Amino acid sequence: MKQKVIKIDENLCNGCGSCVESCRGGALKLVDGKARIIDETFCDGLGACIGECPLGAIKFEERDIKINAANSDNAYQCPGSMAMSFGHSDNKEVDNTVISSQLSQWPVQLFLLNPQAPYFKEADVVLAADCSAYAFGNFHNSFLKNRTLAIACPKLDSWKDEYVEKIKIMVDISKINTLTVVMLEVPCCAGLLQIAQRAVASAERKIPVKKVIIGIKGDILNEEWA
């Protein structure tokens, strides 16, 4: 599988650890005094570590990667892919009311969307992580009603720069009103907000951006204007 991942020049790396702290996916670790990528599949391709390296020892390259099949208690696991089961309490009331779909357009995947489509004109837009609607049961009524939707995965999608450009076009040409970024609490999801902020910062128009963080158990952990 081809993926955009980082490459570290060990001759330049001084082991300061700045890149490790900035890596939200947990792809980097200090080993023998050098920063090393411990699993390429954990690299989100957003490059936060590049900006933190004071010596310019990190750069991007695109290459074929292999899924790490290690499965032991000592194997490192990305927090966003760690297996867990939490279920639901038997005494918790379940509302079986049918929720009507509030989706107002198609397609919804950001890669497929035309940022100048009529439904973006002066719209309130929700940019949601792919998994968020599955974690939050009332996603349609809480976030989709009277809004236009775009979904993306900052960890698995390979078109981050294209996404930034599309959102910029939505802001400057389609003149969207607001942008709400809905993410899960897992580290890699933070890349979605980075994409949105890069786009808005590079646009000529300025619009408000709201950040919503959903817990993996389905509750809203944080909601604020970013």
C-alpha atoms as a PDB file:
ATOM      1  CA  MET A   1       0.000   0.000   0.000  1.00  0.00           C
ATOM      2  CA  LYS A   2       1.453   3.373  -1.025  1.00  0.00           C
ATOM      3  CA  GLN A   3       1.387   6.075   1.622  1.00  0.00           C
ATOM      4  CA  LYS A   4       2.976   9.458   2.226  1.00  0.00           C
ATOM      5  CA  VAL A   5       5.234   8.980   5.254  1.00  0.00           C
ATOM      6  CA  ILE A   6       8.180  10.748   6.830  1.00  0.00           C
ATOM      7  CA  LYS A   7      11.853   9.874   6.452  1.00  0.00           C
ATOM      8  CA  ILE A   8      14.398  10.764   9.150  1.00  0.00           C
ATOM      9  CA  ASP A   9      18.011  11.606   8.345  1.00  0.00           C
ATOM     10  CA  GLU A  10      19.824   9.963  11.257  1.00  0.00           C
ATOM     11  CA  ASN A  11      22.991  11.927  10.515  1.00  0.00           C
ATOM     12  CA  LEU A  12      21.125  15.182  11.227  1.00  0.00           C
ATOM     13  CA  CYS A  13      18.930  13.966  14.090  1.00  0.00           C
ATOM     14  CA  ASN A  14      20.257  14.931  17.526  1.00  0.00           C
ATOM     15  CA  GLY A  15      17.599  13.067  19.519  1.00  0.00           C
ATOM     16  CA  CYS A  16      15.939  16.174  20.962  1.00  0.00           C
ATOM     17  CA  GLY A  17      12.525  14.446  20.901  1.00  0.00           C
ATOM     18  CA  SER A  18      10.504  17.428  19.641  1.00  0.00           C
ATOM     19  CA  CYS A  19       9.132  15.403  16.744  1.00  0.00           C
ATOM     20  CA  VAL A  20       8.077  12.552  19.048  1.00  0.00           C
ATOM     21  CA  GLU A  21       6.018  14.911  21.210  1.00  0.00           C
ATOM     22  CA  SER A  22       4.282  16.433  18.174  1.00  0.00           C
ATOM     23  CA  CYS A  23       3.389  13.085  16.543  1.00  0.00           C
ATOM     24  CA  ARG A  24      -0.304  12.540  17.367  1.00  0.00           C
ATOM     25  CA  GLY A  25      -0.399   9.097  15.783  1.00  0.00           C
ATOM     26  CA  GLY A  26       2.396   7.678  17.931  1.00  0.00           C
ATOM     27  CA  ALA A  27       4.520   6.772  14.912  1.00  0.00           C
ATOM     28  CA  LEU A  28       7.786   8.094  16.377  1.00  0.00           C
ATOM     29  CA  LYS A  29       9.916   7.021  19.304  1.00  0.00           C
ATOM     30  CA  LEU A  30      13.421   7.789  20.578  1.00  0.00           C
ATOM     31  CA  VAL A  31      15.610   4.716  20.166  1.00  0.00           C
ATOM     32  CA  ASP A  32      19.326   4.792  21.011  1.00  0.00           C
ATOM     33  CA  GLY A  33      19.297   8.567  21.069  1.00  0.00           C
ATOM     34  CA  LYS A  34      17.683   8.969  17.630  1.00  0.00           C
ATOM     35  CA  ALA A  35      14.103   9.566  16.504  1.00  0.00           C
ATOM     36  CA  ARG A  36      12.820   6.555  14.645  1.00  0.00           C
ATOM     37  CA  ILE A  37       9.514   5.658  13.011  1.00  0.00           C
ATOM     38  CA  ILE A  38       8.292   2.543  14.790  1.00  0.00           C
ATOM     39  CA  ASP A  39       5.382   1.754  12.474  1.00  0.00           C
ATOM     40  CA  GLU A  40       4.793   3.494   9.143  1.00  0.00           C
ATOM     41  CA  THR A  41       1.051   2.786   9.274  1.00  0.00           C
ATOM     42  CA  PHE A  42       0.776   5.120  12.275  1.00  0.00           C
ATOM     43  CA  CYS A  43       2.106   8.106  10.282  1.00  0.00           C
ATOM     44  CA  ASP A  44      -0.827  10.389   9.392  1.00  0.00           C
ATOM     45  CA  GLY A  45       1.117  12.206   6.661  1.00  0.00           C
ATOM     46  CA  LEU A  46       0.255  15.640   8.055  1.00  0.00           C
ATOM     47  CA  GLY A  47       3.851  16.554   8.879  1.00  0.00           C
ATOM     48  CA  ALA A  48       3.454  18.140  12.320  1.00  0.00           C
ATOM     49  CA  CYS A  49       6.838  16.641  13.229  1.00  0.00           C
ATOM     50  CA  ILE A  50       8.560  18.347  10.289  1.00  0.00           C
ATOM     51  CA  GLY A  51       7.768  21.790  11.631  1.00  0.00           C
ATOM     52  CA  GLU A  52       9.048  20.825  15.088  1.00  0.00           C
ATOM     53  CA  CYS A  53      12.456  19.521  13.954  1.00  0.00           C
ATOM     54  CA  PRO A  54      15.058  22.279  14.551  1.00  0.00           C
ATOM     55  CA  LEU A  55      17.632  20.636  12.288  1.00  0.00           C
ATOM     56  CA  GLY A  56      15.544  19.816   9.217  1.00  0.00           C
ATOM     57  CA  ALA A  57      16.163  16.097   9.662  1.00  0.00           C
ATOM     58  CA  ILE A  58      12.657  15.048   8.570  1.00  0.00           C
ATOM     59  CA  LYS A  59      11.077  15.088   5.133  1.00  0.00           C
ATOM     60  CA  PHE A  60       8.205  13.396   3.302  1.00  0.00           C
ATOM     61  CA  GLU A  61       8.428  10.578   0.821  1.00  0.00           C
ATOM     62  CA  GLU A  62       5.842   8.280  -0.740  1.00  0.00           C
ATOM     63  CA  ARG A  63       6.542   4.587  -0.566  1.00  0.00           C
ATOM     64  CA  ASP A  64       4.935   1.173  -0.243  1.00  0.00           C
ATOM     65  CA  ILE A  65       4.335   0.237   3.378  1.00  0.00           C
ATOM     66  CA  LYS A  66       3.491  -3.051   5.027  1.00  0.00           C
ATOM     67  CA  ILE A  67       0.951  -3.469   7.795  1.00  0.00           C
ATOM     68  CA  ASN A  68       2.672  -4.411  11.043  1.00  0.00           C
ATOM     69  CA  ALA A  69       1.256  -7.799  12.008  1.00  0.00           C
ATOM     70  CA  ALA A  70       2.866  -7.851  15.461  1.00  0.00           C
ATOM     71  CA  ASN A  71       0.329  -8.985  18.024  1.00  0.00           C
ATOM     72  CA  SER A  72       1.766  -9.283  21.520  1.00  0.00           C
ATOM     73  CA  ASP A  73       1.190  -7.639  24.863  1.00  0.00           C
ATOM     74  CA  ASN A  74       4.438  -5.693  24.439  1.00  0.00           C
ATOM     75  CA  ALA A  75       3.743  -4.456  20.919  1.00  0.00           C
ATOM     76  CA  TYR A  76       3.115  -0.724  20.628  1.00  0.00           C
ATOM     77  CA  GLN A  77      -0.422   0.185  19.622  1.00  0.00           C
ATOM     78  CA  CYS A  78      -1.609   3.462  18.193  1.00  0.00           C
ATOM     79  CA  PRO A  79      -4.235   4.865  20.609  1.00  0.00           C
ATOM     80  CA  GLY A  80      -6.639   5.316  17.691  1.00  0.00           C
ATOM     81  CA  SER A  81      -6.506   1.648  16.648  1.00  0.00           C
ATOM     82  CA  MET A  82      -6.330  -0.034  20.058  1.00  0.00           C
ATOM     83  CA  ALA A  83      -9.009  -2.713  20.381  1.00  0.00           C
ATOM     84  CA  MET A  84     -11.482  -2.304  23.226  1.00  0.00           C
ATOM     85  CA  SER A  85     -15.030  -3.313  24.090  1.00  0.00           C
ATOM     86  CA  PHE A  86     -17.263  -1.162  26.287  1.00  0.00           C
ATOM     87  CA  GLY A  87     -20.818  -2.100  25.231  1.00  0.00           C
ATOM     88  CA  HIS A  88     -23.819  -0.489  26.924  1.00  0.00           C
ATOM     89  CA  SER A  89     -25.249  -0.883  30.396  1.00  0.00           C
ATOM     90  CA  ASP A  90     -28.321  -3.134  30.564  1.00  0.00           C
ATOM     91  CA  ASN A  91     -30.170  -0.590  32.703  1.00  0.00           C
ATOM     92  CA  LYS A  92     -29.510   2.304  30.351  1.00  0.00           C
ATOM     93  CA  GLU A  93     -32.650   3.433  28.560  1.00  0.00           C
ATOM     94  CA  VAL A  94     -32.505   3.166  24.794  1.00  0.00           C
ATOM     95  CA  ASP A  95     -34.557   5.550  22.675  1.00  0.00           C
ATOM     96  CA  ASN A  96     -35.791   3.550  19.699  1.00  0.00           C
ATOM     97  CA  THR A  97     -37.371   6.570  17.994  1.00  0.00           C
ATOM     98  CA  VAL A  98     -36.563   6.558  14.286  1.00  0.00           C
ATOM     99  CA  ILE A  99     -34.285   9.490  13.398  1.00  0.00           C
ATOM    100  CA  SER A 100     -34.966  10.950   9.976  1.00  0.00           C
ATOM    101  CA  SER A 101     -31.953  11.602   7.795  1.00  0.00           C
ATOM    102  CA  GLN A 102     -30.901  15.247   7.658  1.00  0.00           C
ATOM    103  CA  LEU A 103     -28.461  14.673   4.788  1.00  0.00           C
ATOM    104  CA  SER A 104     -29.177  17.264   2.116  1.00  0.00           C
ATOM    105  CA  GLN A 105     -26.639  16.511  -0.631  1.00  0.00           C
ATOM    106  CA  TRP A 106     -24.489  13.894  -2.347  1.00  0.00           C
ATOM    107  CA  PRO A 107     -21.621  13.008  -2.491  1.00  0.00           C
ATOM    108  CA  VAL A 108     -20.242  13.578   0.993  1.00  0.00           C
ATOM    109  CA  GLN A 109     -16.640  12.344   0.811  1.00  0.00           C
ATOM    110  CA  LEU A 110     -14.369  15.386   0.563  1.00  0.00           C
ATOM    111  CA  PHE A 111     -12.243  13.843  -2.188  1.00  0.00           C
ATOM    112  CA  LEU A 112     -15.345  13.484  -4.400  1.00  0.00           C
ATOM    113  CA  LEU A 113     -16.940  16.833  -3.581  1.00  0.00           C
ATOM    114  CA  ASN A 114     -16.966  19.836  -5.899  1.00  0.00           C
ATOM    115  CA  PRO A 115     -16.233  22.776  -3.568  1.00  0.00           C
ATOM    116  CA  GLN A 116     -18.180  25.080  -5.906  1.00  0.00           C
ATOM    117  CA  ALA A 117     -21.318  22.927  -5.952  1.00  0.00           C
ATOM    118  CA  PRO A 118     -24.530  24.938  -5.401  1.00  0.00           C
ATOM    119  CA  TYR A 119     -25.184  23.380  -1.999  1.00  0.00           C
ATOM    120  CA  PHE A 120     -21.992  24.979  -0.633  1.00  0.00           C
ATOM    121  CA  LYS A 121     -23.014  28.523  -1.561  1.00  0.00           C
ATOM    122  CA  GLU A 122     -23.277  30.550   1.670  1.00  0.00           C
ATOM    123  CA  ALA A 123     -23.787  27.300   3.599  1.00  0.00           C
ATOM    124  CA  ASP A 124     -22.935  26.253   7.118  1.00  0.00           C
ATOM    125  CA  VAL A 125     -20.581  23.318   6.531  1.00  0.00           C
ATOM    126  CA  VAL A 126     -19.770  20.325   8.724  1.00  0.00           C
ATOM    127  CA  LEU A 127     -16.405  18.663   8.139  1.00  0.00           C
ATOM    128  CA  ALA A 128     -16.671  15.339   9.965  1.00  0.00           C
ATOM    129  CA  ALA A 129     -14.254  12.518  10.600  1.00  0.00           C
ATOM    130  CA  ASP A 130     -15.451   9.336   8.882  1.00  0.00           C
ATOM    131  CA  CYS A 131     -16.039   7.516  12.194  1.00  0.00           C
ATOM    132  CA  SER A 132     -17.815  10.308  14.055  1.00  0.00           C
ATOM    133  CA  ALA A 133     -21.357   9.550  12.889  1.00  0.00           C
ATOM    134  CA  TYR A 134     -20.982   5.965  14.117  1.00  0.00           C
ATOM    135  CA  ALA A 135     -19.811   7.039  17.568  1.00  0.00           C
ATOM    136  CA  PHE A 136     -22.417   9.770  18.104  1.00  0.00           C
ATOM    137  CA  GLY A 137     -25.959   8.403  17.902  1.00  0.00           C
ATOM    138  CA  ASN A 138     -27.739  11.713  17.279  1.00  0.00           C
ATOM    139  CA  PHE A 139     -25.310  12.937  14.623  1.00  0.00           C
ATOM    140  CA  HIS A 140     -28.005  13.859  12.098  1.00  0.00           C
ATOM    141  CA  ASN A 141     -30.109  16.044  14.378  1.00  0.00           C
ATOM    142  CA  SER A 142     -27.174  17.581  16.238  1.00  0.00           C
ATOM    143  CA  PHE A 143     -24.821  18.351  13.349  1.00  0.00           C
ATOM    144  CA  LEU A 144     -26.417  17.793   9.930  1.00  0.00           C
ATOM    145  CA  LYS A 145     -29.702  19.660  10.170  1.00  0.00           C
ATOM    146  CA  ASN A 146     -29.620  22.689   7.830  1.00  0.00           C
ATOM    147  CA  ARG A 147     -25.935  22.080   7.070  1.00  0.00           C
ATOM    148  CA  THR A 148     -23.843  20.770   4.191  1.00  0.00           C
ATOM    149  CA  LEU A 149     -21.590  17.777   4.911  1.00  0.00           C
ATOM    150  CA  ALA A 150     -18.064  16.760   3.970  1.00  0.00           C
ATOM    151  CA  ILE A 151     -16.344  13.734   5.496  1.00  0.00           C
ATOM    152  CA  ALA A 152     -12.681  12.730   5.537  1.00  0.00           C
ATOM    153  CA  CYS A 153     -10.133  10.678   7.468  1.00  0.00           C
ATOM    154  CA  PRO A 154      -6.923  12.563   8.289  1.00  0.00           C
ATOM    155  CA  LYS A 155      -5.071   9.303   8.973  1.00  0.00           C
ATOM    156  CA  LEU A 156      -6.036   7.116   6.015  1.00  0.00           C
ATOM    157  CA  ASP A 157      -6.763   9.636   3.226  1.00  0.00           C
ATOM    158  CA  SER A 158      -3.769  10.619   1.096  1.00  0.00           C
ATOM    159  CA  TRP A 159      -4.985  13.956  -0.272  1.00  0.00           C
ATOM    160  CA  LYS A 160      -4.404  16.407   2.582  1.00  0.00           C
ATOM    161  CA  ASP A 161      -3.098  19.223   0.376  1.00  0.00           C
ATOM    162  CA  GLU A 162      -6.040  18.784  -1.988  1.00  0.00           C
ATOM    163  CA  TYR A 163      -8.417  18.908   0.979  1.00  0.00           C
ATOM    164  CA  VAL A 164      -6.876  22.193   2.134  1.00  0.00           C
ATOM    165  CA  GLU A 165      -7.364  23.666  -1.341  1.00  0.00           C
ATOM    166  CA  LYS A 166     -10.981  22.480  -1.571  1.00  0.00           C
ATOM    167  CA  ILE A 167     -11.913  24.022   1.763  1.00  0.00           C
ATOM    168  CA  LYS A 168     -10.166  27.237   0.755  1.00  0.00           C
ATOM    169  CA  ILE A 169     -12.343  27.356  -2.378  1.00  0.00           C
ATOM    170  CA  MET A 170     -15.445  26.787  -0.254  1.00  0.00           C
ATOM    171  CA  VAL A 171     -14.468  29.784   1.861  1.00  0.00           C
ATOM    172  CA  ASP A 172     -13.413  32.206  -0.892  1.00  0.00           C
ATOM    173  CA  ILE A 173     -15.592  31.242  -3.856  1.00  0.00           C
ATOM    174  CA  SER A 174     -18.617  29.457  -2.404  1.00  0.00           C
ATOM    175  CA  LYS A 175     -18.523  31.876   0.537  1.00  0.00           C
ATOM    176  CA  ILE A 176     -19.546  29.381   3.199  1.00  0.00           C
ATOM    177  CA  ASN A 177     -20.662  30.968   6.476  1.00  0.00           C
ATOM    178  CA  THR A 178     -19.210  28.671   9.113  1.00  0.00           C
ATOM    179  CA  LEU A 179     -17.172  25.480   9.337  1.00  0.00           C
ATOM    180  CA  THR A 180     -17.788  22.940  12.103  1.00  0.00           C
ATOM    181  CA  VAL A 181     -15.122  20.243  12.461  1.00  0.00           C
ATOM    182  CA  VAL A 182     -16.421  17.096  14.167  1.00  0.00           C
ATOM    183  CA  MET A 183     -13.707  14.714  15.347  1.00  0.00           C
ATOM    184  CA  LEU A 184     -13.259  11.747  17.630  1.00  0.00           C
ATOM    185  CA  GLU A 185     -11.058  11.928  20.716  1.00  0.00           C
ATOM    186  CA  VAL A 186      -8.391   9.643  19.183  1.00  0.00           C
ATOM    187  CA  PRO A 187      -5.076  11.441  18.437  1.00  0.00           C
ATOM    188  CA  CYS A 188      -5.068  11.037  14.662  1.00  0.00           C
ATOM    189  CA  CYS A 189      -8.415  12.830  14.352  1.00  0.00           C
ATOM    190  CA  ALA A 190      -6.786  16.119  15.374  1.00  0.00           C
ATOM    191  CA  GLY A 191      -5.341  16.237  11.868  1.00  0.00           C
ATOM    192  CA  LEU A 192      -8.791  17.112  10.545  1.00  0.00           C
ATOM    193  CA  LEU A 193      -8.799  20.364  12.507  1.00  0.00           C
ATOM    194  CA  GLN A 194      -5.273  21.101  11.237  1.00  0.00           C
ATOM    195  CA  ILE A 195      -6.486  20.709   7.647  1.00  0.00           C
ATOM    196  CA  ALA A 196      -9.412  23.057   8.275  1.00  0.00           C
ATOM    197  CA  GLN A 197      -7.256  25.659  10.016  1.00  0.00           C
ATOM    198  CA  ARG A 198      -4.643  25.596   7.245  1.00  0.00           C
ATOM    199  CA  ALA A 199      -7.378  26.168   4.667  1.00  0.00           C
ATOM    200  CA  VAL A 200      -9.057  29.013   6.532  1.00  0.00           C
ATOM    201  CA  ALA A 201      -5.709  30.676   7.308  1.00  0.00           C
ATOM    202  CA  SER A 202      -4.759  30.670   3.617  1.00  0.00           C
ATOM    203  CA  ALA A 203      -8.169  31.949   2.435  1.00  0.00           C
ATOM    204  CA  GLU A 204      -8.847  35.625   1.745  1.00  0.00           C
ATOM    205  CA  ARG A 205     -12.142  35.545   3.621  1.00  0.00           C
ATOM    206  CA  LYS A 206     -12.212  34.755   7.319  1.00  0.00           C
ATOM    207  CA  ILE A 207     -14.942  32.548   8.760  1.00  0.00           C
ATOM    208  CA  PRO A 208     -15.547  31.099  12.238  1.00  0.00           C
ATOM    209  CA  VAL A 209     -14.444  27.508  12.821  1.00  0.00           C
ATOM    210  CA  LYS A 210     -16.020  25.358  15.538  1.00  0.00           C
ATOM    211  CA  LYS A 211     -14.275  22.320  17.017  1.00  0.00           C
ATOM    212  CA  VAL A 212     -16.362  19.403  18.324  1.00  0.00           C
ATOM    213  CA  ILE A 213     -14.711  16.387  19.946  1.00  0.00           C
ATOM    214  CA  ILE A 214     -16.739  13.190  20.316  1.00  0.00           C
ATOM    215  CA  GLY A 215     -15.744  10.483  22.777  1.00  0.00           C
ATOM    216  CA  ILE A 216     -15.489   6.944  21.456  1.00  0.00           C
ATOM    217  CA  LYS A 217     -18.324   6.042  23.844  1.00  0.00           C
ATOM    218  CA  GLY A 218     -20.603   8.550  22.143  1.00  0.00           C
ATOM    219  CA  ASP A 219     -20.560  11.649  24.328  1.00  0.00           C
ATOM    220  CA  ILE A 220     -19.528  15.191  23.399  1.00  0.00           C
ATOM    221  CA  LEU A 221     -16.273  15.916  25.238  1.00  0.00           C
ATOM    222  CA  ASN A 222     -15.648  19.414  23.953  1.00  0.00           C
ATOM    223  CA  GLU A 223     -17.428  21.959  21.747  1.00  0.00           C
ATOM    224  CA  GLU A 224     -15.927  25.395  21.194  1.00  0.00           C
ATOM    225  CA  TRP A 225     -15.062  27.941  18.536  1.00  0.00           C
ATOM    226  CA  ALA A 226     -11.458  27.261  17.573  1.00  0.00           C
END
